[in-house]
Amino acid sequence: LRKPRPKGVRGLPRLEWPQSPVGCCWKDWGWEPSVFVRVHKDVAAAVPPERALARFTGCMTNMVLGYGCMSQHATSPADARRAVEQRLRHFLFVGDQGQWNMSLCLFNAIMTGRRFVLPRQLANSRPTSTKLLDPANPTGSAIATR
């Protein structure tokens, strides 16, 4: 149900361009319809996605706090801390991406009572490569691409 992106639209994979703004990924993601349509039109008019979407940050934080990913919900640090403390009680497990192998081992131990990690749990199922936007600043301009 996807169509090729309009000519001149850069930045979005060809098969990811929605045919219509109605359907998936707007109210269910926390976008108000008018905001979604405006951003959709900006991207269709060749506004770079990084500029059109710059004000939508903190997707994971928003979702942990119970808001839609793209809701632009602003919380104070105290509100966020309180909400996270309440929500964490409902999580079965919270791992640390910086300690991926150890987190997998701990998850398996919690779930089975045994400490182990399976090779398939360590497989990179979503490989990315790095692209430099500014060769003069390799550390600050690296982005993950598919």
Protein backbone atom coordinates (compact mmCIF):
# COMPACT_ATOMS: atom_id res chain seq x y z
CA LEU A 1 0.00 0.00 0.00
CA ARG A 2 2.98 2.28 -0.46
CA LYS A 3 3.79 4.28 -3.55
CA PRO A 4 7.12 5.73 -4.64
CA ARG A 5 7.94 9.05 -3.04
CA PRO A 6 7.26 12.13 -5.13
CA LYS A 7 10.04 13.30 -7.41
CA GLY A 8 12.50 15.55 -5.60
CA VAL A 9 11.76 14.22 -2.09
CA ARG A 10 15.05 13.30 -0.46
CA GLY A 11 15.89 11.49 2.72
CA LEU A 12 13.10 8.95 3.04
CA PRO A 13 13.51 5.43 1.66
CA ARG A 14 11.51 5.05 -1.53
CA LEU A 15 9.18 2.40 -0.05
CA GLU A 16 8.53 4.30 3.18
CA TRP A 17 6.58 7.19 1.67
CA PRO A 18 2.96 6.87 2.83
CA GLN A 19 0.35 7.05 0.10
CA SER A 20 -1.87 9.24 2.23
CA PRO A 21 -1.61 11.00 5.59
CA VAL A 22 -4.68 9.07 6.77
CA GLY A 23 -4.04 5.74 8.46
CA CYS A 24 -1.03 4.55 10.40
CA CYS A 25 1.38 6.54 12.40
CA TRP A 26 -0.30 9.79 13.29
CA LYS A 27 -2.84 9.87 16.15
CA ASP A 28 -1.55 6.50 17.38
CA TRP A 29 1.96 8.04 17.52
CA GLY A 30 0.82 11.16 19.36
CA TRP A 31 0.67 13.50 16.35
CA GLU A 32 -2.22 15.91 16.21
CA PRO A 33 -3.71 15.55 12.70
CA SER A 34 -2.97 19.17 11.75
CA VAL A 35 0.67 18.80 12.86
CA PHE A 36 1.08 15.48 11.02
CA VAL A 37 -0.36 16.91 7.80
CA ARG A 38 1.89 20.00 8.02
CA VAL A 39 5.03 17.87 8.50
CA HIS A 40 3.90 15.50 5.75
CA LYS A 41 3.49 18.45 3.37
CA ASP A 42 6.88 19.88 4.37
CA VAL A 43 8.64 16.61 3.58
CA ALA A 44 6.70 16.28 0.31
CA ALA A 45 7.86 19.81 -0.58
CA ALA A 46 11.50 18.67 -0.16
CA VAL A 47 12.08 20.22 3.28
CA PRO A 48 14.91 18.04 4.64
CA PRO A 49 13.45 15.52 7.13
CA GLU A 50 15.99 16.52 9.79
CA ARG A 51 14.58 20.06 9.67
CA ALA A 52 10.92 19.08 9.30
CA LEU A 53 11.13 16.68 12.25
CA ALA A 54 13.65 18.47 14.50
CA ARG A 55 11.08 19.48 17.13
CA PHE A 56 9.95 15.88 17.67
CA THR A 57 12.46 14.52 20.17
CA GLY A 58 12.41 12.06 23.04
CA CYS A 59 10.29 9.33 21.43
CA MET A 60 11.30 6.61 23.91
CA THR A 61 10.96 8.95 26.88
CA ASN A 62 7.51 10.02 25.72
CA MET A 63 6.42 6.41 25.36
CA VAL A 64 7.75 5.39 28.79
CA LEU A 65 5.83 8.32 30.25
CA GLY A 66 2.64 7.16 28.52
CA TYR A 67 2.50 9.68 25.66
CA GLY A 68 2.72 9.11 21.93
CA CYS A 69 6.17 9.05 20.39
CA MET A 70 5.62 12.27 18.40
CA SER A 71 3.51 14.07 21.02
CA GLN A 72 6.02 16.86 21.78
CA HIS A 73 5.06 16.43 25.42
CA ALA A 74 7.17 18.65 27.66
CA THR A 75 7.73 17.46 31.22
CA SER A 76 9.73 18.88 34.05
CA PRO A 77 12.52 16.68 35.43
CA ALA A 78 10.42 16.11 38.57
CA ASP A 79 7.37 15.03 36.54
CA ALA A 80 9.51 12.69 34.46
CA ARG A 81 11.17 11.17 37.53
CA ARG A 82 7.82 10.57 39.22
CA ALA A 83 6.27 9.06 36.09
CA VAL A 84 9.26 6.82 35.45
CA GLU A 85 9.23 5.54 39.03
CA GLN A 86 5.54 4.68 38.70
CA ARG A 87 5.93 3.03 35.30
CA LEU A 88 9.09 1.05 36.04
CA ARG A 89 7.11 -1.04 38.52
CA HIS A 90 5.16 -2.39 35.53
CA PHE A 91 8.21 -3.42 33.49
CA LEU A 92 9.28 -7.03 33.73
CA PHE A 93 12.85 -6.14 32.77
CA VAL A 94 14.93 -3.08 31.90
CA GLY A 95 18.29 -3.73 30.25
CA ASP A 96 21.25 -1.51 29.42
CA GLN A 97 22.28 -1.23 25.78
CA GLY A 98 25.78 -0.31 26.91
CA GLN A 99 25.98 -3.72 28.62
CA TRP A 100 24.05 -5.69 26.00
CA ASN A 101 25.54 -9.14 26.63
CA MET A 102 25.20 -8.83 30.39
CA SER A 103 21.63 -7.55 30.03
CA LEU A 104 20.73 -10.56 27.89
CA CYS A 105 22.26 -12.90 30.44
CA LEU A 106 20.33 -11.21 33.26
CA PHE A 107 17.09 -11.33 31.25
CA ASN A 108 17.56 -15.05 30.61
CA ALA A 109 18.34 -15.64 34.30
CA ILE A 110 15.18 -13.81 35.37
CA MET A 111 13.04 -15.67 32.84
CA THR A 112 14.50 -19.19 33.20
CA GLY A 113 16.53 -19.25 36.42
CA ARG A 114 19.69 -20.06 34.40
CA ARG A 115 22.47 -17.70 33.26
CA PHE A 116 23.19 -18.02 29.54
CA VAL A 117 23.20 -16.12 26.26
CA LEU A 118 22.25 -17.73 22.96
CA PRO A 119 24.21 -16.86 19.80
CA ARG A 120 20.98 -15.81 18.08
CA GLN A 121 20.40 -13.24 20.84
CA LEU A 122 23.69 -11.59 19.88
CA ALA A 123 23.00 -11.60 16.13
CA ASN A 124 22.78 -8.17 14.54
CA SER A 125 19.32 -8.43 12.98
CA ARG A 126 19.26 -4.74 11.96
CA PRO A 127 22.73 -3.97 10.61
CA THR A 128 23.61 -0.40 9.84
CA SER A 129 26.58 1.34 8.37
CA THR A 130 27.93 4.75 9.19
CA LYS A 131 27.80 7.75 6.88
CA LEU A 132 29.74 10.94 7.56
CA LEU A 133 27.89 14.17 6.90
CA ASP A 134 31.04 16.21 7.46
CA PRO A 135 34.37 14.46 6.76
CA ALA A 136 36.19 17.23 8.68
CA ASN A 137 34.23 16.28 11.83
CA PRO A 138 33.94 12.46 11.80
CA THR A 139 32.93 12.15 15.46
CA GLY A 140 30.17 14.75 15.41
CA SER A 141 28.69 13.98 12.02
CA ALA A 142 28.39 10.19 11.94
CA ILE A 143 24.86 8.92 11.37
CA ALA A 144 23.62 5.36 11.17
CA THR A 145 22.15 4.39 7.81
CA ARG A 146 20.64 1.26 6.38
